[in-house]
Amino acid sequence: MCLKSVHRIQVLLCVNLFALLVESLLERQLRQAMQRQEIEALPMYPEGRVCRWPTARRVIDLFEPVQRHTLAQGKRRVEALVAELTRLQRKLLKLLGLSTKDCGR
């Protein structure tokens, strides 16, 4: 990485700060939704073990296997296909106030 100037270091720190802010907001929104719906824990760990305080990293890891395929004809996009979401993924999207229809667009 070329961090030869103070400006580049400042920009890198700013980008890092924004990433941490987005992660914090994701965690906060999910935890507040869980509290509103009186959900004590979600099965987010391997073997379906429950998680009382979901982290952004864990949420991102759960969506990592989602596959998206785009069919194109020439340069025109014809159709986008998204693999079927698991029950937990759909529940997380609902808790975050996101539509499953928009997933993968």
N, C-alpha and C. Protein backbone atom coordinates (compact mmCIF):
# COMPACT_ATOMS: atom_id res chain seq x y z
N MET A 1 0.85 -1.17 0.00
CA MET A 1 0.00 0.00 0.00
C MET A 1 0.90 1.24 0.00
N CYS A 2 0.52 2.22 -0.77
CA CYS A 2 1.33 3.43 -0.91
C CYS A 2 0.84 4.52 0.02
N LEU A 3 1.31 4.52 1.24
CA LEU A 3 0.94 5.55 2.21
C LEU A 3 2.11 6.51 2.39
N LYS A 4 2.49 7.13 1.28
CA LYS A 4 3.66 7.99 1.31
C LYS A 4 3.34 9.42 1.67
N SER A 5 2.06 9.76 1.73
CA SER A 5 1.72 11.14 2.08
C SER A 5 0.69 11.16 3.20
N VAL A 6 0.66 12.27 3.90
CA VAL A 6 -0.28 12.45 5.01
C VAL A 6 -1.71 12.39 4.49
N HIS A 7 -1.95 12.95 3.32
CA HIS A 7 -3.31 12.95 2.75
C HIS A 7 -3.82 11.52 2.54
N ARG A 8 -2.98 10.64 2.02
CA ARG A 8 -3.40 9.25 1.79
C ARG A 8 -3.70 8.53 3.10
N ILE A 9 -2.93 8.81 4.11
CA ILE A 9 -3.17 8.21 5.43
C ILE A 9 -4.50 8.71 5.98
N GLN A 10 -4.76 10.00 5.83
CA GLN A 10 -6.03 10.56 6.30
C GLN A 10 -7.22 9.93 5.57
N VAL A 11 -7.09 9.76 4.27
CA VAL A 11 -8.17 9.16 3.49
C VAL A 11 -8.40 7.71 3.92
N LEU A 12 -7.33 6.97 4.13
CA LEU A 12 -7.46 5.58 4.58
C LEU A 12 -8.15 5.51 5.94
N LEU A 13 -7.78 6.39 6.86
CA LEU A 13 -8.42 6.42 8.17
C LEU A 13 -9.89 6.80 8.06
N CYS A 14 -10.21 7.71 7.16
CA CYS A 14 -11.60 8.12 6.94
C CYS A 14 -12.44 6.96 6.40
N VAL A 15 -11.91 6.23 5.43
CA VAL A 15 -12.62 5.07 4.88
C VAL A 15 -12.82 4.02 5.96
N ASN A 16 -11.79 3.79 6.77
CA ASN A 16 -11.89 2.83 7.87
C ASN A 16 -12.96 3.26 8.87
N LEU A 17 -13.02 4.55 9.16
CA LEU A 17 -14.03 5.08 10.08
C LEU A 17 -15.44 4.85 9.54
N PHE A 18 -15.63 5.11 8.24
CA PHE A 18 -16.95 4.89 7.62
C PHE A 18 -17.35 3.42 7.67
N ALA A 19 -16.39 2.52 7.44
CA ALA A 19 -16.69 1.09 7.51
C ALA A 19 -17.12 0.69 8.91
N LEU A 20 -16.42 1.20 9.92
CA LEU A 20 -16.79 0.90 11.31
C LEU A 20 -18.15 1.49 11.66
N LEU A 21 -18.45 2.66 11.13
CA LEU A 21 -19.74 3.29 11.37
C LEU A 21 -20.88 2.47 10.78
N VAL A 22 -20.69 1.99 9.55
CA VAL A 22 -21.71 1.16 8.90
C VAL A 22 -21.91 -0.15 9.68
N GLU A 23 -20.82 -0.77 10.12
CA GLU A 23 -20.93 -1.99 10.92
C GLU A 23 -21.69 -1.73 12.21
N SER A 24 -21.38 -0.64 12.87
CA SER A 24 -22.05 -0.30 14.14
C SER A 24 -23.54 -0.07 13.93
N LEU A 25 -23.90 0.63 12.86
CA LEU A 25 -25.30 0.89 12.57
C LEU A 25 -26.05 -0.39 12.23
N LEU A 26 -25.41 -1.29 11.51
CA LEU A 26 -26.01 -2.59 11.18
C LEU A 26 -26.30 -3.38 12.46
N GLU A 27 -25.31 -3.45 13.34
CA GLU A 27 -25.49 -4.17 14.61
C GLU A 27 -26.59 -3.53 15.45
N ARG A 28 -26.59 -2.22 15.53
CA ARG A 28 -27.59 -1.51 16.34
C ARG A 28 -29.00 -1.75 15.81
N GLN A 29 -29.17 -1.63 14.50
CA GLN A 29 -30.49 -1.83 13.92
C GLN A 29 -30.98 -3.26 14.14
N LEU A 30 -30.10 -4.23 13.96
CA LEU A 30 -30.49 -5.63 14.15
C LEU A 30 -30.84 -5.91 15.61
N ARG A 31 -30.03 -5.43 16.53
CA ARG A 31 -30.29 -5.67 17.96
C ARG A 31 -31.56 -4.97 18.44
N GLN A 32 -31.81 -3.77 17.93
CA GLN A 32 -33.05 -3.09 18.31
C GLN A 32 -34.27 -3.81 17.75
N ALA A 33 -34.18 -4.32 16.54
CA ALA A 33 -35.29 -5.08 15.95
C ALA A 33 -35.53 -6.36 16.73
N MET A 34 -34.46 -7.01 17.16
CA MET A 34 -34.60 -8.22 17.98
C MET A 34 -35.30 -7.88 19.29
N GLN A 35 -34.93 -6.77 19.89
CA GLN A 35 -35.54 -6.36 21.16
C GLN A 35 -37.02 -6.02 20.97
N ARG A 36 -37.36 -5.30 19.90
CA ARG A 36 -38.76 -4.94 19.63
C ARG A 36 -39.63 -6.18 19.44
N GLN A 37 -39.08 -7.18 18.76
CA GLN A 37 -39.85 -8.39 18.48
C GLN A 37 -39.65 -9.46 19.56
N GLU A 38 -38.96 -9.08 20.63
CA GLU A 38 -38.72 -9.97 21.77
C GLU A 38 -38.03 -11.26 21.35
N ILE A 39 -37.04 -11.13 20.49
CA ILE A 39 -36.21 -12.26 20.07
C ILE A 39 -34.96 -12.23 20.93
N GLU A 40 -34.76 -13.26 21.73
CA GLU A 40 -33.63 -13.28 22.66
C GLU A 40 -32.32 -13.64 21.96
N ALA A 41 -32.38 -14.55 20.98
CA ALA A 41 -31.17 -14.99 20.30
C ALA A 41 -31.54 -15.54 18.92
N LEU A 42 -30.54 -15.57 18.04
CA LEU A 42 -30.72 -16.12 16.69
C LEU A 42 -29.69 -17.23 16.47
N PRO A 43 -30.05 -18.28 15.71
CA PRO A 43 -29.11 -19.38 15.46
C PRO A 43 -28.09 -19.01 14.38
N MET A 44 -27.12 -18.19 14.74
CA MET A 44 -26.18 -17.66 13.76
C MET A 44 -24.82 -18.35 13.75
N TYR A 45 -24.56 -19.20 14.72
CA TYR A 45 -23.28 -19.90 14.78
C TYR A 45 -23.40 -21.27 14.14
N PRO A 46 -22.26 -21.89 13.80
CA PRO A 46 -22.31 -23.25 13.23
C PRO A 46 -23.10 -24.20 14.13
N GLU A 47 -23.65 -25.20 13.52
CA GLU A 47 -24.50 -26.19 14.19
C GLU A 47 -25.75 -25.56 14.79
N GLY A 48 -26.12 -24.39 14.33
CA GLY A 48 -27.34 -23.75 14.81
C GLY A 48 -27.27 -23.21 16.22
N ARG A 49 -26.06 -23.02 16.75
CA ARG A 49 -25.93 -22.46 18.10
C ARG A 49 -26.40 -21.01 18.08
N VAL A 50 -26.99 -20.60 19.19
CA VAL A 50 -27.61 -19.28 19.24
C VAL A 50 -26.61 -18.17 19.54
N CYS A 51 -26.97 -16.99 19.09
CA CYS A 51 -26.16 -15.78 19.29
C CYS A 51 -27.07 -14.70 19.85
N ARG A 52 -26.74 -14.23 21.04
CA ARG A 52 -27.56 -13.20 21.68
C ARG A 52 -27.23 -11.79 21.19
N TRP A 53 -25.98 -11.56 20.82
CA TRP A 53 -25.53 -10.23 20.38
C TRP A 53 -24.86 -10.34 19.01
N PRO A 54 -25.65 -10.39 17.93
CA PRO A 54 -25.07 -10.56 16.59
C PRO A 54 -24.14 -9.40 16.21
N THR A 55 -23.04 -9.76 15.58
CA THR A 55 -22.10 -8.75 15.10
C THR A 55 -22.26 -8.60 13.59
N ALA A 56 -21.79 -7.48 13.08
CA ALA A 56 -21.86 -7.23 11.63
C ALA A 56 -21.05 -8.29 10.89
N ARG A 57 -19.91 -8.67 11.44
CA ARG A 57 -19.08 -9.69 10.80
C ARG A 57 -19.84 -11.01 10.63
N ARG A 58 -20.59 -11.38 11.66
CA ARG A 58 -21.36 -12.64 11.61
C ARG A 58 -22.47 -12.54 10.58
N VAL A 59 -23.13 -11.39 10.49
CA VAL A 59 -24.20 -11.19 9.51
C VAL A 59 -23.62 -11.28 8.10
N ILE A 60 -22.50 -10.62 7.87
CA ILE A 60 -21.85 -10.64 6.55
C ILE A 60 -21.44 -12.06 6.19
N ASP A 61 -20.88 -12.79 7.15
CA ASP A 61 -20.48 -14.18 6.91
C ASP A 61 -21.66 -15.05 6.52
N LEU A 62 -22.83 -14.79 7.11
CA LEU A 62 -24.02 -15.59 6.80
C LEU A 62 -24.51 -15.35 5.37
N PHE A 63 -24.25 -14.16 4.83
CA PHE A 63 -24.70 -13.85 3.47
C PHE A 63 -23.61 -14.12 2.42
N GLU A 64 -22.43 -14.50 2.85
CA GLU A 64 -21.34 -14.74 1.91
C GLU A 64 -21.65 -15.84 0.89
N PRO A 65 -22.29 -16.94 1.27
CA PRO A 65 -22.54 -17.99 0.28
C PRO A 65 -23.65 -17.69 -0.74
N VAL A 66 -24.35 -16.57 -0.60
CA VAL A 66 -25.42 -16.24 -1.54
C VAL A 66 -24.80 -16.00 -2.92
N GLN A 67 -25.34 -16.70 -3.90
CA GLN A 67 -24.81 -16.59 -5.26
C GLN A 67 -25.77 -15.78 -6.13
N ARG A 68 -25.19 -15.01 -7.03
CA ARG A 68 -25.98 -14.20 -7.96
C ARG A 68 -25.41 -14.41 -9.36
N HIS A 69 -26.30 -14.73 -10.29
CA HIS A 69 -25.89 -14.97 -11.67
C HIS A 69 -26.67 -14.01 -12.57
N THR A 70 -25.97 -13.38 -13.49
CA THR A 70 -26.60 -12.45 -14.42
C THR A 70 -26.53 -13.04 -15.83
N LEU A 71 -27.68 -13.13 -16.46
CA LEU A 71 -27.73 -13.59 -17.85
C LEU A 71 -27.77 -12.36 -18.74
N ALA A 72 -26.89 -12.36 -19.73
CA ALA A 72 -26.81 -11.21 -20.63
C ALA A 72 -26.90 -11.68 -22.07
N GLN A 73 -27.44 -10.81 -22.89
CA GLN A 73 -27.51 -11.05 -24.32
C GLN A 73 -26.80 -9.87 -24.98
N GLY A 74 -25.61 -10.13 -25.42
CA GLY A 74 -24.78 -9.03 -25.90
C GLY A 74 -24.35 -8.19 -24.70
N LYS A 75 -24.61 -6.89 -24.76
CA LYS A 75 -24.29 -6.02 -23.63
C LYS A 75 -25.50 -5.75 -22.76
N ARG A 76 -26.64 -6.30 -23.13
CA ARG A 76 -27.88 -6.05 -22.41
C ARG A 76 -28.12 -7.14 -21.36
N ARG A 77 -28.41 -6.71 -20.14
CA ARG A 77 -28.71 -7.65 -19.06
C ARG A 77 -30.13 -8.17 -19.24
N VAL A 78 -30.28 -9.47 -19.33
CA VAL A 78 -31.59 -10.07 -19.56
C VAL A 78 -32.25 -10.42 -18.23
N GLU A 79 -31.50 -11.09 -17.35
CA GLU A 79 -32.09 -11.54 -16.10
C GLU A 79 -31.00 -11.75 -15.06
N ALA A 80 -31.36 -11.49 -13.80
CA ALA A 80 -30.46 -11.76 -12.68
C ALA A 80 -31.10 -12.83 -11.82
N LEU A 81 -30.35 -13.88 -11.54
CA LEU A 81 -30.84 -14.98 -10.73
C LEU A 81 -30.08 -15.01 -9.41
N VAL A 82 -30.81 -15.10 -8.32
CA VAL A 82 -30.20 -15.16 -7.00
C VAL A 82 -30.56 -16.50 -6.38
N ALA A 83 -29.56 -17.17 -5.80
CA ALA A 83 -29.81 -18.46 -5.14
C ALA A 83 -30.83 -18.28 -4.02
N GLU A 84 -31.54 -19.34 -3.70
CA GLU A 84 -32.56 -19.31 -2.66
C GLU A 84 -31.93 -18.95 -1.31
N LEU A 85 -32.55 -18.02 -0.61
CA LEU A 85 -32.06 -17.62 0.71
C LEU A 85 -32.55 -18.62 1.76
N THR A 86 -31.74 -18.79 2.80
CA THR A 86 -32.14 -19.67 3.90
C THR A 86 -33.17 -18.94 4.76
N ARG A 87 -33.80 -19.69 5.64
CA ARG A 87 -34.80 -19.10 6.54
C ARG A 87 -34.15 -18.02 7.41
N LEU A 88 -32.95 -18.28 7.91
CA LEU A 88 -32.25 -17.31 8.75
C LEU A 88 -31.91 -16.05 7.97
N GLN A 89 -31.45 -16.19 6.73
CA GLN A 89 -31.13 -15.02 5.91
C GLN A 89 -32.37 -14.16 5.67
N ARG A 90 -33.50 -14.81 5.37
CA ARG A 90 -34.74 -14.06 5.17
C ARG A 90 -35.16 -13.35 6.46
N LYS A 91 -34.98 -14.02 7.60
CA LYS A 91 -35.35 -13.42 8.88
C LYS A 91 -34.47 -12.21 9.18
N LEU A 92 -33.17 -12.33 8.92
CA LEU A 92 -32.25 -11.21 9.15
C LEU A 92 -32.62 -10.02 8.27
N LEU A 93 -32.93 -10.27 7.00
CA LEU A 93 -33.33 -9.18 6.11
C LEU A 93 -34.59 -8.50 6.62
N LYS A 94 -35.53 -9.30 7.09
CA LYS A 94 -36.78 -8.74 7.62
C LYS A 94 -36.51 -7.89 8.86
N LEU A 95 -35.65 -8.38 9.76
CA LEU A 95 -35.31 -7.62 10.96
C LEU A 95 -34.62 -6.30 10.61
N LEU A 96 -33.83 -6.32 9.55
CA LEU A 96 -33.11 -5.11 9.13
C LEU A 96 -33.98 -4.18 8.28
N GLY A 97 -35.21 -4.60 8.02
CA GLY A 97 -36.12 -3.76 7.24
C GLY A 97 -35.84 -3.78 5.76
N LEU A 98 -35.23 -4.86 5.28
CA LEU A 98 -34.89 -4.99 3.86
C LEU A 98 -35.79 -6.03 3.20
N SER A 99 -36.06 -5.84 1.93
CA SER A 99 -36.89 -6.77 1.18
C SER A 99 -36.05 -7.89 0.59
N THR A 100 -36.57 -9.11 0.63
CA THR A 100 -35.85 -10.22 0.01
C THR A 100 -35.84 -10.08 -1.51
N LYS A 101 -36.77 -9.31 -2.06
CA LYS A 101 -36.81 -9.09 -3.51
C LYS A 101 -35.61 -8.29 -3.99
N ASP A 102 -35.10 -7.41 -3.13
CA ASP A 102 -33.98 -6.56 -3.51
C ASP A 102 -32.63 -7.23 -3.31
N CYS A 103 -32.62 -8.38 -2.67
CA CYS A 103 -31.36 -9.07 -2.38
C CYS A 103 -30.73 -9.55 -3.69
N GLY A 104 -29.51 -9.12 -3.95
CA GLY A 104 -28.80 -9.55 -5.13
C GLY A 104 -28.94 -8.64 -6.34
N ARG A 105 -29.67 -7.56 -6.22
CA ARG A 105 -29.83 -6.65 -7.36
C ARG A 105 -28.60 -5.84 -7.58
